[in-house]
């Protein structure tokens, strides 16, 4: 098989794969958006929890320092 024929076959396989992926995204776009929004929401909740915990720890350290100083 010639090099050009192999290259053409690879291009066709790539085009088919891209076409299938595009079709899957088009048919499942609502589901994909819901999943992505869920991930963003979970990341926001995790970030807020980590921030809250850090602020609580900082406040606790301040109170401990003032108690030890007194």
N, C-alpha and C. Protein backbone atom coordinates (compact mmCIF):
# COMPACT_ATOMS: atom_id res chain seq x y z
N UNK A 1 0.84 -1.16 0.00
CA UNK A 1 0.00 0.00 0.00
C UNK A 1 0.90 1.24 0.00
N UNK A 2 0.54 2.17 -0.78
CA UNK A 2 1.34 3.39 -0.89
C UNK A 2 1.11 4.30 0.31
N UNK A 3 2.09 5.13 0.53
CA UNK A 3 2.03 6.05 1.67
C UNK A 3 0.83 6.99 1.56
N UNK A 4 0.52 7.46 0.36
CA UNK A 4 -0.61 8.39 0.19
C UNK A 4 -1.93 7.70 0.49
N UNK A 5 -2.04 6.42 0.13
CA UNK A 5 -3.28 5.69 0.42
C UNK A 5 -3.46 5.50 1.92
N UNK A 6 -2.39 5.18 2.62
CA UNK A 6 -2.47 5.01 4.08
C UNK A 6 -2.85 6.33 4.74
N UNK A 7 -2.27 7.42 4.26
CA UNK A 7 -2.59 8.74 4.81
C UNK A 7 -4.07 9.06 4.59
N UNK A 8 -4.58 8.74 3.42
CA UNK A 8 -5.98 8.99 3.11
C UNK A 8 -6.89 8.16 4.00
N UNK A 9 -6.53 6.92 4.26
CA UNK A 9 -7.32 6.07 5.15
C UNK A 9 -7.32 6.62 6.57
N UNK A 10 -6.18 7.10 7.03
CA UNK A 10 -6.10 7.69 8.37
C UNK A 10 -6.98 8.94 8.46
N UNK A 11 -6.96 9.76 7.42
CA UNK A 11 -7.79 10.96 7.42
C UNK A 11 -9.26 10.59 7.49
N UNK A 12 -9.66 9.58 6.74
CA UNK A 12 -11.05 9.16 6.75
C UNK A 12 -11.46 8.67 8.13
N UNK A 13 -10.60 7.90 8.78
CA UNK A 13 -10.91 7.41 10.12
C UNK A 13 -11.02 8.57 11.10
N UNK A 14 -10.12 9.53 10.97
CA UNK A 14 -10.17 10.71 11.83
C UNK A 14 -11.47 11.48 11.59
N UNK A 15 -11.83 11.67 10.34
CA UNK A 15 -13.05 12.40 10.01
C UNK A 15 -14.28 11.68 10.57
N UNK A 16 -14.29 10.37 10.48
CA UNK A 16 -15.41 9.61 11.03
C UNK A 16 -15.48 9.75 12.54
N UNK A 17 -14.33 9.69 13.19
CA UNK A 17 -14.30 9.82 14.64
C UNK A 17 -14.79 11.19 15.07
N UNK A 18 -14.33 12.23 14.39
CA UNK A 18 -14.77 13.58 14.71
C UNK A 18 -16.27 13.73 14.45
N UNK A 19 -16.74 13.15 13.38
CA UNK A 19 -18.17 13.21 13.07
C UNK A 19 -19.02 12.53 14.12
N UNK A 20 -18.56 11.36 14.59
CA UNK A 20 -19.29 10.66 15.64
C UNK A 20 -19.29 11.45 16.94
N UNK A 21 -18.15 12.03 17.27
CA UNK A 21 -18.06 12.82 18.50
C UNK A 21 -18.97 14.05 18.42
N UNK A 22 -18.96 14.69 17.27
CA UNK A 22 -19.80 15.87 17.09
C UNK A 22 -21.28 15.51 17.20
N UNK A 23 -21.65 14.40 16.60
CA UNK A 23 -23.04 13.96 16.66
C UNK A 23 -23.44 13.64 18.11
N UNK A 24 -22.55 12.99 18.85
CA UNK A 24 -22.83 12.66 20.24
C UNK A 24 -23.00 13.93 21.08
N UNK A 25 -22.16 14.93 20.83
CA UNK A 25 -22.27 16.18 21.58
C UNK A 25 -23.56 16.90 21.22
N UNK A 26 -23.93 16.89 19.96
CA UNK A 26 -25.16 17.57 19.54
C UNK A 26 -26.39 16.91 20.14
N UNK A 27 -26.41 15.59 20.19
CA UNK A 27 -27.59 14.90 20.70
C UNK A 27 -27.65 14.93 22.23
N UNK A 28 -26.53 15.07 22.88
CA UNK A 28 -26.48 15.05 24.35
C UNK A 28 -26.09 16.39 24.95
N UNK A 29 -26.31 17.47 24.23
CA UNK A 29 -25.83 18.78 24.70
C UNK A 29 -26.45 19.18 26.03
N UNK A 30 -27.73 18.92 26.22
CA UNK A 30 -28.38 19.28 27.48
C UNK A 30 -27.78 18.51 28.64
N UNK A 31 -27.55 17.22 28.43
CA UNK A 31 -26.96 16.40 29.50
C UNK A 31 -25.55 16.86 29.82
N UNK A 32 -24.80 17.21 28.80
CA UNK A 32 -23.42 17.67 29.00
C UNK A 32 -23.42 18.98 29.79
N UNK A 33 -24.32 19.88 29.46
CA UNK A 33 -24.41 21.16 30.18
C UNK A 33 -24.78 20.91 31.64
N UNK A 34 -25.72 20.01 31.89
CA UNK A 34 -26.12 19.70 33.26
C UNK A 34 -24.95 19.14 34.06
N UNK A 35 -24.20 18.24 33.47
CA UNK A 35 -23.05 17.65 34.16
C UNK A 35 -22.00 18.72 34.45
N UNK A 36 -21.71 19.56 33.47
CA UNK A 36 -20.72 20.62 33.68
C UNK A 36 -21.17 21.61 34.75
N UNK A 37 -22.44 21.96 34.77
CA UNK A 37 -22.95 22.85 35.81
C UNK A 37 -22.86 22.20 37.18
N UNK A 38 -23.13 20.90 37.24
CA UNK A 38 -22.99 20.18 38.50
C UNK A 38 -21.57 20.19 39.01
N UNK A 39 -20.62 20.00 38.10
CA UNK A 39 -19.20 20.02 38.49
C UNK A 39 -18.81 21.40 38.99
N UNK A 40 -19.25 22.44 38.29
CA UNK A 40 -18.93 23.81 38.71
C UNK A 40 -19.55 24.09 40.09
N UNK A 41 -20.77 23.64 40.30
CA UNK A 41 -21.42 23.83 41.59
C UNK A 41 -20.67 23.12 42.71
N UNK A 42 -20.26 21.88 42.46
CA UNK A 42 -19.49 21.15 43.47
C UNK A 42 -18.17 21.83 43.78
N UNK A 43 -17.50 22.34 42.75
CA UNK A 43 -16.24 23.05 42.97
C UNK A 43 -16.46 24.33 43.77
N UNK A 44 -17.56 25.03 43.50
CA UNK A 44 -17.86 26.25 44.25
C UNK A 44 -18.15 25.93 45.71
N UNK A 45 -18.90 24.87 45.96
CA UNK A 45 -19.20 24.47 47.33
C UNK A 45 -17.93 24.06 48.06
N UNK A 46 -17.08 23.30 47.40
CA UNK A 46 -15.82 22.87 48.02
C UNK A 46 -14.94 24.08 48.32
N UNK A 47 -14.86 25.03 47.41
CA UNK A 47 -14.07 26.23 47.63
C UNK A 47 -14.61 27.07 48.78
N UNK A 48 -15.93 27.21 48.86
CA UNK A 48 -16.53 27.97 49.95
C UNK A 48 -16.27 27.29 51.29
N UNK A 49 -16.36 25.97 51.32
CA UNK A 49 -16.10 25.23 52.55
C UNK A 49 -14.65 25.40 52.98
N UNK A 50 -13.72 25.31 52.04
CA UNK A 50 -12.31 25.47 52.38
C UNK A 50 -12.03 26.88 52.88
N UNK A 51 -12.64 27.89 52.27
CA UNK A 51 -12.47 29.27 52.73
C UNK A 51 -13.03 29.43 54.13
N UNK A 52 -14.23 28.89 54.39
CA UNK A 52 -14.86 28.99 55.70
C UNK A 52 -14.01 28.32 56.76
N UNK A 53 -13.50 27.15 56.43
CA UNK A 53 -12.67 26.43 57.39
C UNK A 53 -11.39 27.19 57.70
N UNK A 54 -10.79 27.78 56.70
CA UNK A 54 -9.59 28.58 56.91
C UNK A 54 -9.86 29.79 57.79
N UNK A 55 -11.00 30.44 57.57
CA UNK A 55 -11.33 31.61 58.39
C UNK A 55 -11.62 31.20 59.82
N UNK A 56 -12.25 30.05 60.01
CA UNK A 56 -12.52 29.56 61.37
C UNK A 56 -11.22 29.22 62.09
N UNK A 57 -10.31 28.60 61.37
CA UNK A 57 -9.02 28.26 61.97
C UNK A 57 -8.24 29.51 62.34
N UNK A 58 -8.28 30.50 61.47
CA UNK A 58 -7.59 31.76 61.74
C UNK A 58 -8.18 32.44 62.97
N UNK A 59 -9.49 32.45 63.05
CA UNK A 59 -10.17 33.06 64.21
C UNK A 59 -9.83 32.30 65.48
N UNK A 60 -9.78 30.98 65.40
CA UNK A 60 -9.42 30.18 66.57
C UNK A 60 -8.01 30.46 67.03
N UNK A 61 -7.10 30.62 66.09
CA UNK A 61 -5.72 30.95 66.45
C UNK A 61 -5.62 32.31 67.12
N UNK A 62 -6.39 33.28 66.63
CA UNK A 62 -6.39 34.60 67.24
C UNK A 62 -6.92 34.55 68.67
N UNK A 63 -8.01 33.80 68.87
CA UNK A 63 -8.57 33.68 70.21
C UNK A 63 -7.61 32.97 71.15
N UNK A 64 -6.95 31.93 70.67
CA UNK A 64 -5.98 31.21 71.49
C UNK A 64 -4.81 32.11 71.86
N UNK A 65 -4.33 32.89 70.90
CA UNK A 65 -3.21 33.80 71.17
C UNK A 65 -3.60 34.85 72.21
N UNK A 66 -4.81 35.38 72.10
CA UNK A 66 -5.24 36.38 73.08
C UNK A 66 -5.45 35.76 74.46
N UNK A 67 -5.91 34.51 74.51
CA UNK A 67 -6.10 33.83 75.80
C UNK A 67 -4.75 33.53 76.45
N UNK A 68 -3.78 33.14 75.64
CA UNK A 68 -2.46 32.84 76.19
C UNK A 68 -1.73 34.11 76.63
N UNK A 69 -2.02 35.22 75.98
CA UNK A 69 -1.36 36.48 76.32
C UNK A 69 -1.91 37.06 77.62
N UNK A 70 -3.15 36.72 77.94
CA UNK A 70 -3.78 37.31 79.13
C UNK A 70 -3.36 36.66 80.41
